[in-house]
């Protein structure tokens, strides 16, 4: 049933977040991908998947996930901040500045963006 399917995805997501927090990125990444295969537009999972890529230094990949989040789901300032960081680390200064400016416009307290 649909409800049972959502319960399974919720459990998998919690497990993925736990693995992510433990720094077990490959395992977390695999679970996030499993969730995205069932719910490809889930904004939280797309964002978390981008964070795994960012934390592993895969900045172009991270930017792709964050861009997908902000353009499809109008995610909060935090996602714009992460997008800015990924652009900055990839050497895309203009795009980094634009993303970080957007983060501050959305939330003047977006501390990481200052």
Protein backbone atom coordinates (compact mmCIF):
# COMPACT_ATOMS: atom_id res chain seq x y z
CA UNK A 1 0.00 0.00 0.00
CA UNK A 2 0.99 3.63 -0.38
CA UNK A 3 1.15 4.18 3.39
CA UNK A 4 3.37 1.14 3.91
CA UNK A 5 5.65 2.35 1.11
CA UNK A 6 5.94 5.76 2.74
CA UNK A 7 6.74 4.13 6.10
CA UNK A 8 9.55 2.15 4.49
CA UNK A 9 10.96 5.29 2.83
CA UNK A 10 10.75 7.14 6.14
CA UNK A 11 12.71 4.38 7.93
CA UNK A 12 15.29 4.27 5.15
CA UNK A 13 15.64 8.06 5.32
CA UNK A 14 16.22 7.98 9.09
CA UNK A 15 18.81 5.24 8.63
CA UNK A 16 20.51 7.25 5.87
CA UNK A 17 20.65 10.37 8.05
CA UNK A 18 22.16 8.33 10.91
CA UNK A 19 24.84 6.94 8.58
CA UNK A 20 25.47 10.42 7.21
CA UNK A 21 25.97 11.83 10.73
CA UNK A 22 28.44 9.02 11.44
CA UNK A 23 30.47 9.97 8.39
CA UNK A 24 29.56 6.73 6.62
CA UNK A 25 28.99 8.66 3.41
CA UNK A 26 29.04 5.83 0.89
CA UNK A 27 26.37 3.90 2.77
CA UNK A 28 24.28 7.05 3.31
CA UNK A 29 24.66 7.93 -0.36
CA UNK A 30 23.38 4.50 -1.40
CA UNK A 31 20.31 4.86 0.80
CA UNK A 32 19.62 8.41 -0.41
CA UNK A 33 19.84 7.10 -3.98
CA UNK A 34 17.39 4.33 -3.07
CA UNK A 35 14.95 6.92 -1.73
CA UNK A 36 15.41 9.13 -4.79
CA UNK A 37 14.65 6.16 -7.06
CA UNK A 38 11.21 6.04 -5.42
CA UNK A 39 10.71 9.76 -4.70
CA UNK A 40 13.01 11.64 -7.11
CA UNK A 41 11.75 15.11 -6.18
CA UNK A 42 11.85 14.80 -2.40
CA UNK A 43 13.50 18.12 -1.49
CA UNK A 44 15.04 16.96 1.78
CA UNK A 45 16.62 13.88 0.24
CA UNK A 46 17.90 15.85 -2.77
CA UNK A 47 19.46 18.35 -0.34
CA UNK A 48 21.00 15.64 1.85
CA UNK A 49 22.38 13.87 -1.22
CA UNK A 50 24.03 17.14 -2.20
CA UNK A 51 25.55 17.48 1.27
CA UNK A 52 27.19 14.05 0.97
CA UNK A 53 28.77 15.12 -2.32
CA UNK A 54 29.87 18.47 -0.83
CA UNK A 55 31.42 16.80 2.21
CA UNK A 56 33.38 14.47 -0.06
CA UNK A 57 34.71 17.29 -2.22
CA UNK A 58 32.56 16.49 -5.26
CA UNK A 59 31.57 20.12 -5.75
CA UNK A 60 30.09 19.93 -9.25
CA UNK A 61 27.88 17.03 -8.23
CA UNK A 62 26.85 18.87 -5.05
CA UNK A 63 25.99 22.00 -7.03
CA UNK A 64 23.73 19.92 -9.26
CA UNK A 65 21.76 18.57 -6.31
CA UNK A 66 21.48 21.96 -4.62
CA UNK A 67 20.42 23.63 -7.87
CA UNK A 68 17.77 20.96 -8.28
CA UNK A 69 16.52 21.74 -4.77
CA UNK A 70 16.31 25.49 -5.08
CA UNK A 71 14.83 25.58 -8.57
CA UNK A 72 12.22 22.88 -8.07
CA UNK A 73 11.31 23.29 -4.44
CA UNK A 74 12.20 26.83 -3.41
CA UNK A 75 14.17 25.51 -0.47
CA UNK A 76 15.28 27.84 2.31
CA UNK A 77 18.37 29.95 2.69
CA UNK A 78 20.34 26.96 3.97
CA UNK A 79 20.22 25.29 0.54
CA UNK A 80 21.32 28.52 -1.19
CA UNK A 81 24.21 28.69 1.31
CA UNK A 82 25.26 25.13 0.48
CA UNK A 83 24.97 25.88 -3.24
CA UNK A 84 27.20 28.93 -2.73
CA UNK A 85 29.77 26.84 -0.86
CA UNK A 86 29.87 24.21 -3.58
CA UNK A 87 30.35 26.89 -6.26
CA UNK A 88 33.05 28.58 -4.16
CA UNK A 89 35.00 25.35 -3.67
CA UNK A 90 34.73 24.65 -7.41
CA UNK A 91 36.19 28.09 -8.16
CA UNK A 92 32.98 29.56 -9.55
CA UNK A 93 33.19 32.86 -7.68
CA UNK A 94 30.41 34.72 -9.52
CA UNK A 95 27.90 31.88 -9.01
CA UNK A 96 28.99 31.54 -5.38
CA UNK A 97 28.39 35.23 -4.76
CA UNK A 98 24.95 35.05 -6.42
CA UNK A 99 23.86 32.03 -4.38
CA UNK A 100 25.14 33.45 -1.09
CA UNK A 101 23.46 36.79 -1.81
CA UNK A 102 20.18 34.93 -2.39
CA UNK A 103 20.65 33.10 0.93
CA UNK A 104 21.04 36.40 2.78
CA UNK A 105 18.07 37.92 0.94
CA UNK A 106 15.91 35.02 2.10
CA UNK A 107 17.27 35.00 5.63
CA UNK A 108 19.39 37.85 6.93
CA UNK A 109 20.53 35.48 9.69
CA UNK A 110 21.93 32.93 7.24
CA UNK A 111 25.12 33.02 9.29
CA UNK A 112 27.15 30.73 7.10
CA UNK A 113 26.50 32.95 4.09
CA UNK A 114 28.00 36.11 5.64
